[in-house]
N, C-alpha and C. Protein backbone atom coordinates (compact mmCIF):
# COMPACT_ATOMS: atom_id res chain seq x y z
N MET A 1 96.80 64.32 237.32
CA MET A 1 97.10 65.57 237.52
C MET A 1 96.15 66.29 236.73
N ASP A 2 95.55 67.64 237.27
CA ASP A 2 94.89 68.27 236.66
C ASP A 2 95.61 69.53 235.92
N LEU A 3 95.61 69.07 234.55
CA LEU A 3 96.36 69.82 233.80
C LEU A 3 95.75 71.42 233.55
N ALA A 4 94.69 71.48 233.68
CA ALA A 4 94.03 72.94 233.49
C ALA A 4 94.34 73.62 234.90
N LYS A 5 94.25 73.01 235.86
CA LYS A 5 95.11 73.87 236.99
C LYS A 5 96.33 74.03 236.95
N LEU A 6 97.37 73.53 236.38
CA LEU A 6 98.78 73.51 236.16
C LEU A 6 98.57 74.61 235.20
N ASP A 7 98.06 74.74 234.12
CA ASP A 7 98.02 75.64 233.17
C ASP A 7 97.58 77.42 233.71
N ALA A 8 96.48 77.37 234.29
CA ALA A 8 96.07 78.43 235.11
C ALA A 8 97.02 78.88 236.15
N PHE A 9 97.88 78.00 236.73
CA PHE A 9 98.57 78.48 237.69
C PHE A 9 100.07 78.94 236.99
N LEU A 10 100.40 78.34 236.12
CA LEU A 10 101.84 78.89 235.33
C LEU A 10 101.40 80.53 234.67
N MET A 11 100.10 80.33 234.17
CA MET A 11 99.77 81.93 233.54
C MET A 11 99.71 82.74 234.63
N GLN A 12 99.42 82.31 235.61
CA GLN A 12 98.93 83.43 236.72
C GLN A 12 100.47 83.64 237.12
N LYS A 13 101.22 83.11 237.15
CA LYS A 13 102.79 83.57 237.47
C LYS A 13 103.60 83.52 236.41
N ARG A 14 103.08 83.76 235.21
CA ARG A 14 103.84 84.31 233.91
C ARG A 14 104.61 85.33 234.16
N ASP A 15 104.35 86.56 234.78
CA ASP A 15 104.92 87.69 234.83
C ASP A 15 105.88 87.70 235.72
N PHE A 16 105.95 87.22 236.82
CA PHE A 16 106.85 86.82 237.55
C PHE A 16 108.01 85.81 237.02
N LEU A 17 107.52 84.97 236.40
CA LEU A 17 108.51 84.25 235.59
C LEU A 17 109.55 84.91 234.60
N ILE A 18 108.69 85.72 233.76
CA ILE A 18 109.51 87.02 232.85
C ILE A 18 110.33 87.66 233.46
N ARG A 19 109.93 88.19 234.64
CA ARG A 19 110.78 89.23 235.27
C ARG A 19 111.87 88.43 235.74
N LEU A 20 111.89 87.43 236.24
CA LEU A 20 113.40 86.07 236.47
C LEU A 20 114.05 85.99 235.28
N LEU A 21 113.50 86.05 233.80
CA LEU A 21 114.18 86.11 232.67
C LEU A 21 115.07 87.41 232.17
N GLU A 22 114.19 88.55 232.86
CA GLU A 22 114.78 89.61 232.57
C GLU A 22 115.89 90.05 233.73
N ASN A 23 116.39 89.20 234.81
CA ASN A 23 117.41 89.68 235.48
C ASN A 23 118.38 88.73 235.46
N PRO A 24 119.41 89.31 234.56
CA PRO A 24 120.61 88.57 234.10
C PRO A 24 121.37 87.93 235.18
N PRO A 25 121.23 88.64 236.72
CA PRO A 25 122.24 87.85 237.68
C PRO A 25 121.51 86.78 238.12
N VAL A 26 120.32 86.38 238.04
CA VAL A 26 119.56 85.28 238.36
C VAL A 26 120.10 84.14 237.49
N LEU A 27 119.97 84.69 236.22
CA LEU A 27 120.32 83.69 235.27
C LEU A 27 121.78 83.09 235.08
N LEU A 28 122.74 84.11 235.34
CA LEU A 28 124.12 83.84 235.50
C LEU A 28 124.90 83.27 236.61
N GLU A 29 123.77 83.46 237.67
CA GLU A 29 124.42 82.60 238.75
C GLU A 29 124.03 80.88 238.97
N ASN A 30 123.21 80.67 238.32
CA ASN A 30 122.84 79.28 238.69
C ASN A 30 122.10 78.69 237.38
N GLN A 31 123.22 78.16 236.52
CA GLN A 31 122.53 77.34 235.32
C GLN A 31 121.63 76.46 235.42
N LYS A 32 121.64 75.65 236.62
CA LYS A 32 120.50 74.56 236.56
C LYS A 32 119.45 75.32 237.04
N PHE A 33 119.17 76.58 237.33
CA PHE A 33 117.86 77.19 237.57
C PHE A 33 117.29 77.68 236.28
N THR A 34 118.37 78.13 235.60
CA THR A 34 117.97 78.58 234.18
C THR A 34 117.26 77.71 233.43
N GLU A 35 118.02 76.11 233.45
CA GLU A 35 117.31 75.38 232.73
C GLU A 35 115.97 75.16 233.11
N LEU A 36 115.95 75.00 234.44
CA LEU A 36 114.74 74.76 235.25
C LEU A 36 113.69 75.78 234.51
N LEU A 37 113.83 77.20 234.62
CA LEU A 37 112.95 78.08 234.06
C LEU A 37 112.47 77.83 232.45
N ARG A 38 113.69 77.59 231.85
CA ARG A 38 113.20 77.23 230.69
C ARG A 38 112.25 76.15 230.31
N ALA A 39 112.64 75.01 231.26
CA ALA A 39 111.59 73.95 231.14
C ALA A 39 110.21 74.16 231.62
N VAL A 40 110.16 75.36 232.24
CA VAL A 40 108.80 75.73 232.81
C VAL A 40 107.99 76.57 231.64
N PHE A 41 109.06 77.38 231.16
CA PHE A 41 108.20 78.10 229.94
C PHE A 41 107.92 77.15 229.19
N HIS A 42 108.70 76.07 228.77
CA HIS A 42 108.21 75.14 227.57
C HIS A 42 107.14 74.48 227.95
N LEU A 43 106.96 74.27 229.33
CA LEU A 43 105.71 73.51 229.56
C LEU A 43 104.51 74.21 229.70
N ASN A 44 104.62 75.42 229.72
CA ASN A 44 103.64 76.45 229.62
C ASN A 44 103.26 76.71 228.39
N GLU A 45 104.00 76.79 227.17
CA GLU A 45 103.79 76.59 225.93
C GLU A 45 103.16 75.60 225.46
N GLU A 46 103.24 74.47 225.80
CA GLU A 46 102.86 73.32 225.60
C GLU A 46 101.39 73.11 226.08
N LEU A 47 101.03 73.79 227.27
CA LEU A 47 99.86 73.59 227.71
C LEU A 47 98.98 74.76 226.72
N GLN A 48 99.60 75.75 226.74
CA GLN A 48 98.83 76.85 225.73
C GLN A 48 98.36 76.34 224.72
N CYS A 49 99.05 75.37 224.13
CA CYS A 49 98.72 74.98 222.56
C CYS A 49 97.83 74.01 222.61
N ARG A 50 97.34 73.44 223.74
CA ARG A 50 96.22 72.66 223.90
C ARG A 50 94.60 73.37 223.88
N PRO A 51 93.82 73.21 223.10
CA PRO A 51 92.36 73.73 223.16
C PRO A 51 91.55 73.12 224.32
N GLY A 52 92.14 72.15 224.99
CA GLY A 52 91.51 71.91 226.12
C GLY A 52 92.05 70.38 226.60
N PHE A 53 91.44 69.98 228.02
CA PHE A 53 92.71 68.98 228.52
C PHE A 53 91.82 67.68 228.66
N ASP A 54 90.32 67.74 228.61
CA ASP A 54 89.43 66.80 228.79
C ASP A 54 89.59 65.61 227.73
N CYS A 55 89.96 65.80 226.47
CA CYS A 55 90.08 64.62 225.39
C CYS A 55 91.48 64.73 224.96
N LEU A 56 92.49 64.80 225.49
CA LEU A 56 93.65 64.90 225.13
C LEU A 56 94.11 63.48 224.50
N PRO A 57 94.65 63.03 223.41
CA PRO A 57 95.30 61.96 222.92
C PRO A 57 96.32 61.26 223.60
N GLU A 58 96.69 60.26 223.63
CA GLU A 58 97.48 59.53 224.80
C GLU A 58 98.65 60.10 224.63
N SER A 59 99.57 60.18 223.17
CA SER A 59 100.67 60.84 222.73
C SER A 59 100.86 62.28 223.40
N ASP A 60 99.63 62.94 223.56
CA ASP A 60 99.83 64.56 224.22
C ASP A 60 100.24 64.29 225.65
N CYS A 61 99.10 63.50 226.10
CA CYS A 61 99.60 62.84 227.75
C CYS A 61 101.17 62.42 228.11
N ARG A 62 101.62 61.79 227.11
CA ARG A 62 102.72 61.38 227.29
C ARG A 62 103.83 62.66 227.13
N HIS A 63 103.61 63.06 226.06
CA HIS A 63 104.52 64.29 225.88
C HIS A 63 104.49 65.44 227.32
N ILE A 64 103.55 65.96 227.78
CA ILE A 64 103.27 66.80 228.64
C ILE A 64 104.02 65.88 230.06
N GLY A 65 103.62 64.89 230.26
CA GLY A 65 104.17 64.10 231.49
C GLY A 65 105.39 63.97 231.52
N GLY A 66 106.28 64.28 230.58
CA GLY A 66 107.81 64.15 229.84
C GLY A 66 108.19 65.49 230.17
N GLU A 67 107.42 66.48 229.75
CA GLU A 67 107.99 67.99 230.15
C GLU A 67 107.76 68.00 231.50
N ILE A 68 106.51 67.56 232.11
CA ILE A 68 106.87 67.67 233.78
C ILE A 68 107.48 67.15 234.55
N LEU A 69 108.19 65.93 234.07
CA LEU A 69 109.25 65.32 234.69
C LEU A 69 110.51 65.82 234.49
N THR A 70 110.70 66.39 233.26
CA THR A 70 111.87 67.16 232.67
C THR A 70 112.26 68.26 233.71
N GLY A 71 111.10 68.99 234.04
CA GLY A 71 111.13 69.99 235.04
C GLY A 71 111.68 69.73 236.59
N PHE A 72 110.71 68.47 236.62
CA PHE A 72 110.98 67.94 238.41
C PHE A 72 112.42 67.25 238.61
N ILE A 73 113.07 66.69 237.34
CA ILE A 73 114.31 66.59 237.45
C ILE A 73 115.46 67.34 237.30
N ARG A 74 115.13 68.58 236.89
CA ARG A 74 116.02 69.91 237.10
C ARG A 74 116.02 70.59 237.90
N ASN A 75 114.67 70.49 238.21
CA ASN A 75 114.67 71.26 240.01
C ASN A 75 115.35 70.49 240.92
N SER A 76 115.24 69.06 240.84
CA SER A 76 115.79 68.58 241.91
C SER A 76 117.27 68.61 241.67
N SER A 77 117.98 68.51 240.44
CA SER A 77 119.46 68.80 240.85
C SER A 77 119.91 69.88 240.83
N ALA A 78 118.60 71.21 240.88
CA ALA A 78 119.17 72.50 240.87
C ALA A 78 119.05 73.12 242.60
N ASN A 79 118.01 72.26 243.22
CA ASN A 79 117.92 72.71 244.59
C ASN A 79 117.95 71.24 245.59
N GLY A 80 117.84 70.51 245.03
CA GLY A 80 118.11 69.17 246.04
C GLY A 80 116.87 68.50 246.52
N SER A 81 115.49 69.18 246.08
CA SER A 81 114.81 68.87 246.88
C SER A 81 113.55 68.22 245.77
N GLY A 82 113.65 68.35 244.73
CA GLY A 82 113.13 67.46 243.69
C GLY A 82 111.65 68.12 243.63
N ILE A 83 111.31 69.26 244.37
CA ILE A 83 109.74 69.96 244.72
C ILE A 83 109.87 71.25 243.79
N TRP A 84 109.01 71.62 242.91
CA TRP A 84 108.91 72.56 242.11
C TRP A 84 108.40 73.57 243.29
N SER A 85 109.58 74.48 243.33
CA SER A 85 109.26 75.51 244.37
C SER A 85 108.79 76.86 243.74
N ILE A 86 108.42 77.04 242.44
CA ILE A 86 108.35 78.57 241.99
C ILE A 86 106.97 78.69 242.08
């Protein structure tokens, strides 16, 4: 997975994601969606903490991979598809 592209994509969508957080009906209607949104924000924060992605230690790669998997699992239980649809 190209982490630099994922980081750029999440940063490009950040304003949209923040607007979702600011919309209480969206958050209150579906707890699974709220958990997914939190997982996406956490992944974005994890990616932003890295100065680059070319020489990441194996432990960072495993950690980020786990964050991606967490979002995937939460999304598949939220909408049944298992595909990030944000």
